[in-house]
Protein backbone atom coordinates (compact mmCIF):
# COMPACT_ATOMS: atom_id res chain seq x y z
CA MET A 1 18.78 52.49 15.42
CA GLU A 2 19.15 50.37 12.31
CA GLU A 3 17.77 47.31 14.10
CA GLY A 4 14.53 49.09 15.02
CA ILE A 5 14.10 50.49 11.52
CA THR A 6 14.87 47.12 9.93
CA LYS A 7 12.27 45.42 12.13
CA ALA A 8 9.73 48.05 11.16
CA LEU A 9 10.43 47.64 7.46
CA GLU A 10 10.29 43.84 7.68
CA LYS A 11 6.86 44.13 9.25
CA GLY A 12 5.66 46.41 6.45
CA ILE A 13 5.70 49.58 8.51
CA GLU A 14 6.67 52.78 6.74
CA ILE A 15 8.05 55.50 8.99
CA GLN A 16 9.07 59.06 8.38
CA PRO A 17 11.31 61.23 10.57
CA ARG A 18 9.92 64.33 12.19
CA LEU A 19 12.65 66.75 13.17
CA ASP A 20 10.49 69.82 13.54
CA ASP A 21 10.14 69.79 17.30
CA GLU A 22 12.38 69.50 20.33
CA ASN A 23 11.33 65.89 20.88
CA SER A 24 12.57 64.60 17.53
CA SER A 25 10.62 61.48 16.73
CA PHE A 26 8.91 59.76 13.84
CA ASP A 27 5.47 59.31 12.39
CA ILE A 28 4.15 55.94 11.36
CA VAL A 29 2.94 56.58 7.84
CA ARG A 30 1.50 53.20 6.93
CA TRP A 31 1.46 49.62 8.22
CA ARG A 32 -0.03 46.28 7.35
CA PRO A 33 -2.96 44.93 9.33
CA GLY A 34 -1.82 43.13 12.45
CA THR A 35 1.09 45.47 13.13
CA GLU A 36 -0.68 47.93 15.37
CA GLN A 37 2.17 47.55 17.83
CA ALA A 38 4.32 49.48 15.39
CA ALA A 39 5.21 52.23 17.83
CA ALA A 40 7.12 49.73 19.94
CA VAL A 41 9.37 48.89 17.01
CA ALA A 42 11.09 52.28 16.95
CA ASP A 43 13.52 51.79 19.77
CA THR A 44 15.23 54.40 21.88
CA LYS A 45 18.36 54.26 19.70
CA TRP A 46 16.38 55.75 16.83
CA ILE A 47 15.00 58.52 19.03
CA ARG A 48 18.46 59.25 20.47
CA GLU A 49 19.94 59.46 16.99
CA MET A 50 17.23 61.86 15.83
CA ARG A 51 17.83 63.99 18.93
CA MET A 52 21.53 64.04 18.09
CA VAL A 53 20.70 65.19 14.55
CA ARG A 54 18.41 67.90 15.93
CA MET A 55 21.19 69.04 18.30
CA LEU A 56 23.70 69.20 15.42
CA ILE A 57 21.26 71.14 13.27
CA ASN A 58 20.70 73.62 16.10
CA GLU A 59 24.45 73.94 16.64
CA ALA A 60 25.09 74.37 12.91
CA GLU A 61 22.38 77.00 12.51
CA LYS A 62 22.72 78.91 15.76
CA ASN A 63 26.51 79.04 15.99
CA GLN A 64 27.37 78.55 12.31
CA ASP A 65 29.50 75.63 13.53
CA ALA A 66 31.40 74.07 10.59
CA ASP A 67 32.19 70.91 12.59
CA ALA A 68 28.48 70.35 13.24
CA MET A 69 27.74 70.97 9.57
CA PHE A 70 30.38 68.41 8.57
CA GLU A 71 29.00 65.84 11.01
CA LEU A 72 25.50 66.35 9.63
CA GLY A 73 26.83 65.75 6.13
CA ARG A 74 28.55 62.59 7.32
CA PHE A 75 25.36 61.39 9.04
CA PHE A 76 23.31 61.89 5.89
CA SER A 77 26.01 60.32 3.68
CA GLN A 78 25.71 57.11 5.71
CA CYS A 79 21.96 57.18 6.33
CA LYS A 80 20.12 54.27 4.76
CA TYR A 81 16.66 54.77 6.23
CA PHE A 82 15.18 57.31 3.84
CA PRO A 83 15.16 57.84 0.06
CA HIS A 84 18.72 57.93 -1.28
CA ASP A 85 18.19 61.11 -3.32
CA GLU A 86 17.09 63.05 -0.23
CA MET A 87 20.07 61.85 1.77
CA VAL A 88 22.45 62.79 -1.04
CA ASP A 89 20.92 66.28 -1.25
CA TRP A 90 21.31 66.78 2.51
CA THR A 91 24.88 65.43 2.42
CA GLU A 92 25.84 67.93 -0.27
CA HIS A 93 24.00 70.76 1.50
CA TRP A 94 25.77 70.36 4.84
CA TRP A 95 29.22 69.58 3.44
CA GLU A 96 29.06 72.61 1.16
CA ARG A 97 28.09 74.88 4.03
CA ALA A 98 31.01 73.52 6.07
CA GLY A 99 33.32 73.67 3.06
CA TRP A 100 32.61 77.34 2.41
CA LYS A 101 33.49 77.97 6.05
CA GLY A 102 36.92 76.44 5.40
CA HIS A 103 36.34 72.98 6.94
CA CYS A 104 39.11 70.93 5.32
CA GLU A 105 37.53 67.48 5.80
CA ALA A 106 34.23 68.74 4.35
CA GLN A 107 36.10 70.08 1.32
CA ALA A 108 37.91 66.77 0.80
CA SER A 109 34.65 64.87 1.28
CA LEU A 110 32.95 67.05 -1.34
CA ALA A 111 35.76 66.39 -3.82
CA GLU A 112 35.24 62.66 -3.38
CA PHE A 113 31.44 63.10 -3.43
CA PHE A 114 31.59 64.93 -6.78
CA SER A 115 33.89 62.25 -8.20
CA LYS A 116 31.60 59.28 -7.68
CA GLU A 117 28.08 60.03 -6.41
CA GLU A 118 25.70 58.97 -9.18
CA GLY A 119 23.70 61.92 -10.47
CA PHE A 120 26.13 64.36 -8.81
CA ILE A 121 29.35 63.62 -10.70
CA ASN A 122 30.84 67.02 -11.35
CA PRO A 123 34.53 67.15 -12.36
CA GLU A 124 34.68 70.93 -11.94
CA GLY A 125 33.21 70.64 -8.44
CA GLU A 126 35.70 67.89 -7.66
CA VAL A 127 38.57 70.18 -8.71
CA LEU A 128 37.20 73.16 -6.77
CA TRP A 129 36.89 71.28 -3.48
CA ALA A 130 40.04 69.20 -3.92
CA LYS A 131 42.01 72.41 -4.49
CA LYS A 132 40.54 74.11 -1.43
CA ALA A 133 41.44 71.11 0.76
CA ALA A 134 44.83 70.64 -0.91
CA GLU A 135 45.73 74.27 -0.25
CA GLN A 136 45.10 73.59 3.45
CA GLY A 137 47.54 70.67 3.34
CA HIS A 138 45.09 67.76 3.00
CA VAL A 139 47.40 65.10 1.53
CA ASP A 140 44.73 62.93 -0.12
CA SER A 141 43.35 66.04 -1.80
CA GLN A 142 46.83 67.02 -2.98
CA VAL A 143 47.19 63.61 -4.65
CA ARG A 144 43.63 63.83 -6.04
CA LEU A 145 44.36 67.28 -7.47
CA ALA A 146 47.61 66.03 -9.04
CA LEU A 147 45.71 63.20 -10.72
CA LEU A 148 43.04 65.63 -11.94
CA TYR A 149 45.66 67.94 -13.48
CA ASP A 150 47.47 64.93 -14.94
CA SER A 151 44.32 63.58 -16.60
CA GLY A 152 42.71 66.91 -17.48
CA ARG A 153 39.52 65.85 -15.73
CA GLY A 154 37.55 68.96 -14.75
CA VAL A 155 40.56 71.17 -15.33
CA GLU A 156 42.93 71.96 -18.18
CA LEU A 157 45.60 69.29 -18.57
CA ASN A 158 48.71 70.59 -16.81
CA LYS A 159 51.58 68.19 -16.09
CA ALA A 160 53.58 70.86 -14.23
CA GLU A 161 50.68 71.45 -11.80
CA ALA A 162 50.28 67.70 -11.40
CA VAL A 163 53.94 67.32 -10.42
CA LYS A 164 53.70 70.34 -8.09
CA TRP A 165 50.82 68.79 -6.15
CA VAL A 166 52.38 65.32 -6.05
CA LEU A 167 55.57 66.86 -4.64
CA LYS A 168 53.58 68.70 -1.98
CA ALA A 169 51.92 65.42 -0.99
CA ALA A 170 55.29 63.63 -1.01
CA TRP A 171 56.76 66.22 1.34
CA ARG A 172 53.87 65.57 3.69
CA SER A 173 54.76 61.85 3.75
CA ASP A 174 52.05 60.39 1.57
CA ALA A 175 53.01 56.78 0.85
CA PHE A 176 51.57 56.84 -2.69
CA ALA A 177 52.95 60.23 -3.73
CA PRO A 178 56.40 58.92 -4.79
CA PHE A 179 54.66 56.31 -6.95
CA HIS A 180 52.54 59.02 -8.61
CA LEU A 181 55.64 61.20 -9.01
CA ALA A 182 57.51 58.34 -10.70
CA LEU A 183 54.63 57.96 -13.15
CA HIS A 184 54.80 61.67 -14.01
CA LEU A 185 58.54 61.63 -14.52
CA ALA A 186 58.59 58.41 -16.55
């Protein structure tokens, strides 16, 4: 998919996805003179990928499938073909929908998203989603939550809570948890 899009962009062709029909495709928005063969640039990988996105959207909407919602969020988080702001909005949208349905990986992904996505940094959101994932036993989220409590970022500083979450992560065999615990006890 990326190869076809890259070729199109190198030739000065601007494309836009069209996901509003069963035959997900694209529209050629603009191209330089001499590139009338633009339609040939969008290869079948691109079309297959858009069909996969359409299938996931249908699955997410029709069956309220949290796994499909999470996969859509992951797709948009890695998509480099369209404006970054739009992709970030769609990433947040689908991961939040999956997260509210209890999808642990979506919750952990949202915690990370809110910790570093420019324009979306939200310490309180990071705490909310890290806690939801940590409560389900997600080790990385348990360590993240311990660090948040330890630093007071997005939550009231609470060393006891920090140690509690580090211990939970340590019991689940996180390699870094003993190191974090040692820092708290030092």
